[in-house]
Structure formats: C-alpha cells, structure tokens
Amino acid sequence: MKFIVLHLLVVIAVLLVPQAQARNAHSKRLTGVPNDDPTFFGNELNFWKKLETGWDLTRGATNGSITLPMANNGPIVIQPNATALVIIDMQNFFLHESLGGDPKGRALVPTTISLIHAFRNAGMPVLWTFWGVTDYDIINMPPSLLLGFSSDGTSTTTFGSEMGTVVVPKSNQSIAATGSTPGPNITIDAGRKLTRGSWNAQPWGDLLTEQLEGVANGTDFYFNKNRLSGMWGPSTPMQIWLQDNSMTTLFFGGVNIDQCVLGTLLDSFYKAYDVILLDDISATTSPASATQMVDFNVELDGWRANSTDILPALKNAAKAQ
C-alpha cells in the first residue's frame, strides 16, 4: 500500500513540474531580443529599434541606409536592399476616360513616375501588382466579388466579360478620341474585363512604358492579382518574391486608396512588413471620408508621407551610390 501511495506521489510530481516551469517561463517578458533592450521591438530576426527621434527599420543592416522624414512618428531609417515601392491598379480599366476612369487617378501619374525614378536610382525595386485574372481565378471567386465588379448587376458583365472596343487617337492611346483630338483614330479591343493580357488591364498612359522598360531592365517586377489585395491568403506571387528577396519595408501608392491599396497594405502589415502609404500617389472614387479613414488607420500600423517629403533624401542617396 505504501508503495502504491509513493508511486502516485512521484507521478503527480512529474506531472506538476512542467506546469510550474511553464508558469515561470511565461511570467517573464519574452521579447526575443538580447538583454531585453526596451528600445527593440520584435525579435532577433525581425525588429525595429526606437531611436531618440524616429525609428530604425534596418534590422541591424545599417550600411547604406537612408533616413526619410515622415509627417508623424519619424524619421524612419530604411535599408534600400530590403525596401520596395508598390504600385497598385493604375490600369486602363480604372483610369482611361473611354472606360469611365477617374481623373483623380490620372492626375497622380506624373508624381508617380517621378517617385518610380527616384526609387530606381536609389537602388530600390518597383513592384507593380495589378488585376490580371484567369478563367481559373474567376471560377474560384466568391459571388460577392463577382457582383462587386458587375457593370449592371448581372453575372454577364463581371470579370472576364467582353468590354467591347474603344476609339482613341493613334498618336496618344491614353485619351479618348473626340472631334478635337488631332490625327487619325484607331479602334482598340478593350478585351475581357481585367483578364491577363487584355488592353483594359494594362498600365495607363506613360505608366505602361515605365513598367515595360523597368521589367526589361530588371529594376521592376510585375505581379498579377486576383483579389483586391495583392497579399491576400497564404501566399501570392508578390509575397513569394518579397520572401525570396528578403524584403521588409514597403511603400504603397495607387488606386483605390480605400480598397485595393488599403487591402494590400493591411495584408502586408499582418504579414510583418513595414508599411508606408504615399498620399500624393494614391486616390479613390469614394467619398472623402473613406480617405480620412485610411489616413487615420494607416498611422496606427505604419507611416504616411508625400513624395515631396522623401524625394530629396532619395536623390541624395542616389548621388552617394
């Protein structure tokens, strides 16, 4: 009998020791950072360092780093080898006037191109993530998304539907042909709605030239997406590229700021990337309150800036290379 009681006490002790150890372990502050330095946020592999003013986002790779002013909670110190500019949905479908595109989005293009050149010159890649669906994508889309992109509330005008033709000046295909546009006109097949390779899914205006030249030169990379976010779900083509190239810090611009731009930014934030929204290369067709909501929430997750805030520092970095 004594042996049985003793055996039970030993078993109970063995069971309780790991629980006590676990309680002790979780009573400590687990930061993953050596010496529990309170200026470090994250772990040894992925961390920010709080500076006297602003934040170091380089994860310790400070060689060649660039300091960029931010409107609030800045400046930030970035590592160019781990930073990219992400351009979202600046496509004919959303911008071309023949397809009812938004003039506010078209107005962003000159500033966007200036920023693209600045990022390239400073040694940072430009990532284009645009709608470009396949038949397989359409089959696997939820009904709500199909309805959201229907032109007339029927399933015959959603993704993959034929959009007909548009007439544009031969000399400038980024505008609609009118009685006052010079030279001969041409008729273009707009293609199936937001499908890969279609004219309506191409970058609008001079952005097409920028994208083609950038990809050819190896400074830019193009990723099709099949949801509002270019970073949704377990993985996307852009996310695979970001992981393969050890990217950590992403700047965002495009249309619409409260839909595809915000969706991509938030999914990037959820997946532990640093996120910075560029206000003056982002726009939307939604009411002003939608942009105000985005502005407020982005500053809780990352930073906001204008191109005018960061261009001088990017140009200086390019000269120093």
Protein backbone atom coordinates (compact mmCIF):
# COMPACT_ATOMS: atom_id res chain seq x y z
CA MET A 1 0.00 0.00 0.00
CA LYS A 2 2.83 2.39 0.94
CA PHE A 3 4.50 1.59 -2.37
CA ILE A 4 1.34 2.50 -4.31
CA VAL A 5 0.95 5.81 -2.47
CA LEU A 6 4.63 6.66 -3.01
CA HIS A 7 4.31 5.80 -6.69
CA LEU A 8 1.28 8.08 -7.06
CA LEU A 9 3.13 10.96 -5.38
CA VAL A 10 6.05 10.59 -7.79
CA VAL A 11 3.68 10.59 -10.79
CA ILE A 12 1.90 13.72 -9.55
CA ALA A 13 5.21 15.49 -9.01
CA VAL A 14 6.39 14.61 -12.51
CA LEU A 15 3.17 15.99 -13.98
CA LEU A 16 3.29 19.21 -11.99
CA VAL A 17 6.94 20.16 -12.62
CA PRO A 18 6.46 21.06 -16.35
CA GLN A 19 3.40 23.11 -15.46
CA ALA A 20 5.35 25.04 -12.85
CA GLN A 21 8.19 25.56 -15.31
CA ALA A 22 5.74 26.83 -17.93
CA ARG A 23 4.23 29.29 -15.46
CA ASN A 24 7.69 30.57 -14.58
CA ALA A 25 8.65 30.87 -18.23
CA HIS A 26 5.57 32.89 -19.16
CA SER A 27 5.96 35.13 -16.15
CA LYS A 28 8.98 36.62 -17.93
CA ARG A 29 8.87 39.20 -20.71
CA LEU A 30 9.60 37.24 -23.91
CA THR A 31 10.88 39.70 -26.49
CA GLY A 32 13.41 37.51 -28.28
CA VAL A 33 15.83 40.46 -28.18
CA PRO A 34 19.08 40.13 -26.22
CA ASN A 35 19.18 41.82 -22.82
CA ASP A 36 15.51 42.82 -23.08
CA ASP A 37 16.50 46.22 -24.51
CA PRO A 38 13.29 48.32 -24.26
CA THR A 39 14.17 50.18 -27.46
CA PHE A 40 13.89 46.99 -29.50
CA PHE A 41 10.50 45.81 -30.79
CA GLY A 42 10.32 42.31 -32.26
CA ASN A 43 12.90 39.53 -32.21
CA GLU A 44 16.45 38.89 -33.42
CA LEU A 45 15.25 38.17 -36.96
CA ASN A 46 12.65 40.90 -37.37
CA PHE A 47 12.84 44.01 -35.23
CA TRP A 48 12.62 47.79 -35.09
CA LYS A 49 14.84 49.95 -32.92
CA LYS A 50 13.36 53.05 -31.35
CA LEU A 51 15.70 55.99 -31.75
CA GLU A 52 15.80 59.22 -29.80
CA THR A 53 13.82 60.62 -32.69
CA GLY A 54 12.14 58.18 -35.04
CA TRP A 55 12.75 54.52 -35.87
CA ASP A 56 15.46 52.32 -37.34
CA LEU A 57 13.81 49.73 -39.62
CA THR A 58 17.05 48.25 -40.99
CA ARG A 59 17.10 45.14 -38.71
CA GLY A 60 20.75 45.93 -37.99
CA ALA A 61 21.78 46.24 -41.66
CA THR A 62 22.68 49.91 -41.41
CA ASN A 63 25.30 50.02 -44.17
CA GLY A 64 23.99 52.27 -46.95
CA SER A 65 20.81 53.06 -45.04
CA ILE A 66 18.62 56.06 -45.91
CA THR A 67 16.88 58.34 -43.42
CA LEU A 68 13.48 59.56 -44.60
CA PRO A 69 11.33 62.23 -42.92
CA MET A 70 7.77 61.29 -42.06
CA ALA A 71 4.82 63.53 -41.27
CA ASN A 72 4.37 61.84 -37.89
CA ASN A 73 6.43 59.48 -35.73
CA GLY A 74 9.51 59.88 -37.89
CA PRO A 75 12.01 59.93 -39.34
CA ILE A 76 12.49 56.32 -40.38
CA VAL A 77 15.79 54.69 -41.34
CA ILE A 78 15.41 52.14 -44.14
CA GLN A 79 17.72 49.63 -45.81
CA PRO A 80 17.46 50.04 -49.63
CA ASN A 81 18.29 46.37 -50.21
CA ALA A 82 15.16 45.44 -48.26
CA THR A 83 12.79 48.17 -49.46
CA ALA A 84 10.40 48.41 -52.44
CA LEU A 85 7.83 50.75 -53.95
CA VAL A 86 4.48 49.05 -54.66
CA ILE A 87 2.21 50.50 -57.38
CA ILE A 88 -1.37 49.19 -57.33
CA ASP A 89 -4.05 49.08 -60.05
CA MET A 90 -3.05 52.10 -62.15
CA GLN A 91 -4.71 50.39 -65.11
CA ASN A 92 -6.75 51.45 -68.14
CA PHE A 93 -9.82 49.92 -66.52
CA PHE A 94 -9.64 52.35 -63.61
CA LEU A 95 -8.06 55.39 -65.30
CA HIS A 96 -8.86 55.58 -69.03
CA GLU A 97 -11.61 58.08 -69.79
CA SER A 98 -13.06 55.82 -72.51
CA LEU A 99 -13.82 53.30 -69.76
CA GLY A 100 -15.09 55.88 -67.29
CA GLY A 101 -11.76 56.11 -65.50
CA ASP A 102 -11.12 58.50 -62.64
CA PRO A 103 -9.41 61.84 -63.47
CA LYS A 104 -8.03 62.00 -59.93
CA GLY A 105 -6.16 58.78 -60.61
CA ARG A 106 -4.82 60.09 -63.91
CA ALA A 107 -3.57 63.21 -62.16
CA LEU A 108 -1.29 61.06 -59.99
CA VAL A 109 0.77 59.75 -62.89
CA PRO A 110 3.46 62.46 -63.19
CA THR A 111 4.21 62.33 -59.47
CA THR A 112 4.14 58.54 -59.53
CA ILE A 113 6.69 58.44 -62.35
CA SER A 114 8.98 60.86 -60.51
CA LEU A 115 8.89 58.62 -57.47
CA ILE A 116 9.46 55.48 -59.56
CA HIS A 117 12.62 57.04 -60.98
CA ALA A 118 13.79 58.09 -57.52
CA PHE A 119 13.36 54.60 -56.09
CA ARG A 120 15.14 53.01 -59.04
CA ASN A 121 18.02 55.48 -58.88
CA ALA A 122 18.44 54.79 -55.16
CA GLY A 123 18.70 51.05 -55.89
CA MET A 124 15.22 50.02 -54.75
CA PRO A 125 12.87 47.87 -56.84
CA VAL A 126 9.45 48.93 -58.10
CA LEU A 127 6.68 46.34 -57.81
CA TRP A 128 3.53 46.55 -59.93
CA THR A 129 0.61 44.50 -58.63
CA PHE A 130 -2.45 44.81 -60.89
CA TRP A 131 -5.65 42.93 -61.56
CA GLY A 132 -4.92 40.19 -64.08
CA VAL A 133 -7.29 37.26 -63.65
CA THR A 134 -7.53 33.91 -65.41
CA ASP A 135 -10.55 31.71 -66.02
CA TYR A 136 -9.40 29.57 -63.12
CA ASP A 137 -9.35 32.66 -60.87
CA ILE A 138 -12.90 33.53 -61.92
CA ILE A 139 -14.18 30.02 -61.17
CA ASN A 140 -12.79 30.30 -57.65
CA MET A 141 -14.08 33.81 -56.90
CA PRO A 142 -16.78 34.29 -54.27
CA PRO A 143 -20.19 35.53 -55.52
CA SER A 144 -19.78 38.79 -53.60
CA LEU A 145 -16.64 39.70 -55.55
CA LEU A 146 -18.23 38.80 -58.87
CA LEU A 147 -21.21 41.03 -58.04
CA GLY A 148 -18.95 43.87 -56.94
CA PHE A 149 -17.35 44.02 -60.39
CA SER A 150 -20.55 43.61 -62.38
CA SER A 151 -21.40 46.64 -64.51
CA ASP A 152 -25.18 46.14 -64.45
CA GLY A 153 -25.90 43.81 -61.55
CA THR A 154 -25.84 40.67 -63.71
CA SER A 155 -23.22 37.96 -63.91
CA THR A 156 -22.70 38.59 -67.63
CA THR A 157 -20.74 41.82 -67.06
CA THR A 158 -18.34 40.79 -64.30
CA PHE A 159 -14.75 39.56 -64.51
CA GLY A 160 -13.91 38.01 -67.85
CA SER A 161 -16.77 39.63 -69.75
CA GLU A 162 -16.05 41.23 -73.12
CA MET A 163 -15.72 45.00 -72.79
CA GLY A 164 -16.05 45.84 -76.49
CA THR A 165 -13.92 48.39 -78.30
CA VAL A 166 -12.68 51.91 -77.66
CA VAL A 167 -11.70 54.59 -80.16
CA VAL A 168 -8.53 56.50 -79.35
CA PRO A 169 -6.15 58.81 -81.23
CA LYS A 170 -3.41 56.84 -82.93
CA SER A 171 -0.86 59.31 -81.58
CA ASN A 172 -1.99 59.03 -77.94
CA GLN A 173 -3.87 55.94 -76.84
CA SER A 174 -4.18 57.18 -73.26
CA ILE A 175 -7.03 59.56 -74.13
CA ALA A 176 -10.42 59.17 -75.76
CA ALA A 177 -10.92 60.25 -79.36
CA THR A 178 -13.05 63.35 -79.76
CA GLY A 179 -13.78 65.81 -82.51
CA SER A 180 -10.90 67.96 -81.30
CA THR A 181 -8.18 65.31 -80.93
CA PRO A 182 -5.55 65.56 -83.66
CA GLY A 183 -4.67 62.98 -86.29
CA PRO A 184 -6.29 59.67 -87.23
CA ASN A 185 -8.08 57.47 -84.73
CA ILE A 186 -7.77 53.74 -84.16
CA THR A 187 -10.15 51.21 -82.67
CA ILE A 188 -8.80 49.02 -79.88
CA ASP A 189 -10.29 45.83 -78.49
CA ALA A 190 -10.56 46.53 -74.76
CA GLY A 191 -10.60 42.78 -74.10
CA ARG A 192 -12.16 40.77 -71.31
CA LYS A 193 -12.64 42.60 -68.05
CA LEU A 194 -9.43 42.68 -66.01
CA THR A 195 -8.06 39.47 -67.52
CA ARG A 196 -4.35 38.94 -68.06
CA GLY A 197 -3.03 40.38 -71.29
CA SER A 198 -6.12 42.47 -72.04
CA TRP A 199 -5.81 46.13 -73.01
CA ASN A 200 -8.08 47.24 -70.17
CA ALA A 201 -5.76 45.56 -67.63
CA GLN A 202 -2.62 47.32 -68.93
CA PRO A 203 -0.99 50.20 -67.06
CA TRP A 204 -2.46 53.53 -68.19
CA GLY A 205 -0.61 56.03 -70.34
CA ASP A 206 3.09 56.60 -69.70
CA LEU A 207 2.95 54.06 -66.87
CA LEU A 208 2.85 51.30 -69.50
CA THR A 209 6.18 52.46 -70.90
CA GLU A 210 7.63 52.77 -67.40
CA GLN A 211 6.52 49.27 -66.46
CA LEU A 212 7.76 47.62 -69.66
CA GLU A 213 11.13 49.36 -69.53
CA GLY A 214 11.55 48.69 -65.82
CA VAL A 215 10.81 44.98 -66.17
CA ALA A 216 13.14 44.73 -69.19
CA ASN A 217 15.92 46.46 -67.25
CA GLY A 218 15.45 44.31 -64.15
CA THR A 219 14.53 47.20 -61.83
CA ASP A 220 10.79 46.49 -61.81
CA PHE A 221 8.66 43.41 -61.28
CA TYR A 222 5.05 42.79 -62.33
CA PHE A 223 2.60 40.64 -60.37
CA ASN A 224 -0.95 39.76 -61.36
CA LYS A 225 -3.51 39.62 -58.58
CA ASN A 226 -6.98 38.11 -58.35
CA ARG A 227 -8.35 39.85 -55.26
CA LEU A 228 -8.40 43.43 -54.04
CA SER A 229 -5.25 42.70 -52.06
CA GLY A 230 -2.03 41.67 -53.75
CA MET A 231 -1.02 39.95 -50.49
CA TRP A 232 -4.16 38.02 -49.55
CA GLY A 233 -4.30 34.42 -48.37
CA PRO A 234 -1.40 32.10 -47.53
CA SER A 235 0.67 33.34 -50.46
CA THR A 236 0.60 35.42 -53.65
CA PRO A 237 3.17 35.90 -56.45
CA MET A 238 4.26 39.20 -54.94
CA GLN A 239 4.62 37.75 -51.46
CA ILE A 240 6.78 34.89 -52.78
CA TRP A 241 9.06 37.44 -54.46
CA LEU A 242 9.25 39.53 -51.29
CA GLN A 243 10.23 36.50 -49.24
CA ASP A 244 12.77 35.26 -51.78
CA ASN A 245 14.42 38.69 -51.85
CA SER A 246 14.32 39.35 -48.08
CA MET A 247 12.22 42.50 -48.37
CA THR A 248 10.97 44.08 -45.13
CA THR A 249 9.82 47.64 -45.92
CA LEU A 250 7.12 48.60 -48.44
CA PHE A 251 5.89 51.97 -49.74
CA PHE A 252 2.41 51.97 -51.33
CA GLY A 253 0.54 54.05 -53.90
CA GLY A 254 -2.21 53.63 -56.50
CA VAL A 255 -5.99 53.29 -56.70
CA ASN A 256 -8.30 53.00 -54.94
CA ILE A 257 -6.71 54.09 -51.68
CA ASP A 258 -9.53 52.69 -49.54
CA GLN A 259 -9.90 49.40 -51.40
CA CYS A 260 -7.03 47.71 -53.24
CA VAL A 261 -4.29 49.95 -51.84
CA LEU A 262 -5.51 49.61 -48.27
CA GLY A 263 -6.19 45.89 -48.70
CA THR A 264 -2.66 45.21 -49.94
CA LEU A 265 -1.13 47.46 -47.27
CA LEU A 266 -3.05 45.81 -44.44
CA ASP A 267 -2.27 42.26 -45.56
CA SER A 268 1.40 43.28 -45.78
CA PHE A 269 1.16 44.70 -42.26
CA TYR A 270 -0.44 41.48 -40.99
CA LYS A 271 2.46 39.54 -42.51
CA ALA A 272 5.02 41.63 -40.62
CA TYR A 273 6.17 44.04 -43.34
CA ASP A 274 6.80 47.71 -42.57
CA VAL A 275 4.15 49.77 -44.38
CA ILE A 276 4.26 53.39 -45.57
CA LEU A 277 1.40 54.97 -47.52
CA LEU A 278 2.29 57.68 -50.05
CA ASP A 279 -0.62 60.10 -50.05
CA ASP A 280 0.17 62.05 -53.20
CA ILE A 281 0.34 58.97 -55.43
CA SER A 282 -2.91 57.50 -54.10
CA ALA A 283 -6.53 58.36 -54.91
CA THR A 284 -10.06 56.97 -54.86
CA THR A 285 -13.50 57.45 -56.34
CA SER A 286 -15.02 57.00 -52.87
CA PRO A 287 -16.22 59.88 -50.67
CA ALA A 288 -13.59 61.92 -48.83
CA SER A 289 -14.49 60.18 -45.58
CA ALA A 290 -13.07 56.93 -46.97
CA THR A 291 -9.65 58.52 -47.42
CA GLN A 292 -9.85 60.04 -43.95
CA MET A 293 -10.49 56.58 -42.51
CA VAL A 294 -7.47 55.19 -44.35
CA ASP A 295 -5.24 58.07 -43.23
CA PHE A 296 -6.21 57.57 -39.60
CA ASN A 297 -5.74 53.80 -39.53
CA VAL A 298 -2.53 53.64 -41.55
CA GLU A 299 -0.75 55.79 -38.98
CA LEU A 300 -1.68 53.18 -36.36
CA ASP A 301 0.01 50.47 -38.43
CA GLY A 302 2.87 52.35 -40.08
CA TRP A 303 3.51 55.75 -41.63
CA ARG A 304 2.18 58.23 -44.18
CA ALA A 305 4.22 60.55 -46.36
CA ASN A 306 4.15 62.60 -49.55
CA SER A 307 6.67 62.20 -52.33
CA THR A 308 7.85 65.75 -51.63
CA ASP A 309 8.82 64.64 -48.12
CA ILE A 310 11.13 61.85 -49.25
CA LEU A 311 12.36 62.78 -52.75
CA PRO A 312 15.30 64.93 -51.57
CA ALA A 313 16.66 62.11 -49.40
CA LEU A 314 16.18 59.55 -52.19
CA LYS A 315 18.02 61.79 -54.68
CA ASN A 316 20.88 62.30 -52.23
CA ALA A 317 21.09 58.54 -51.73
CA ALA A 318 21.28 58.01 -55.50
CA LYS A 319 24.17 60.51 -55.76
CA ALA A 320 26.02 58.73 -52.97
CA GLN A 321 25.99 55.37 -54.77
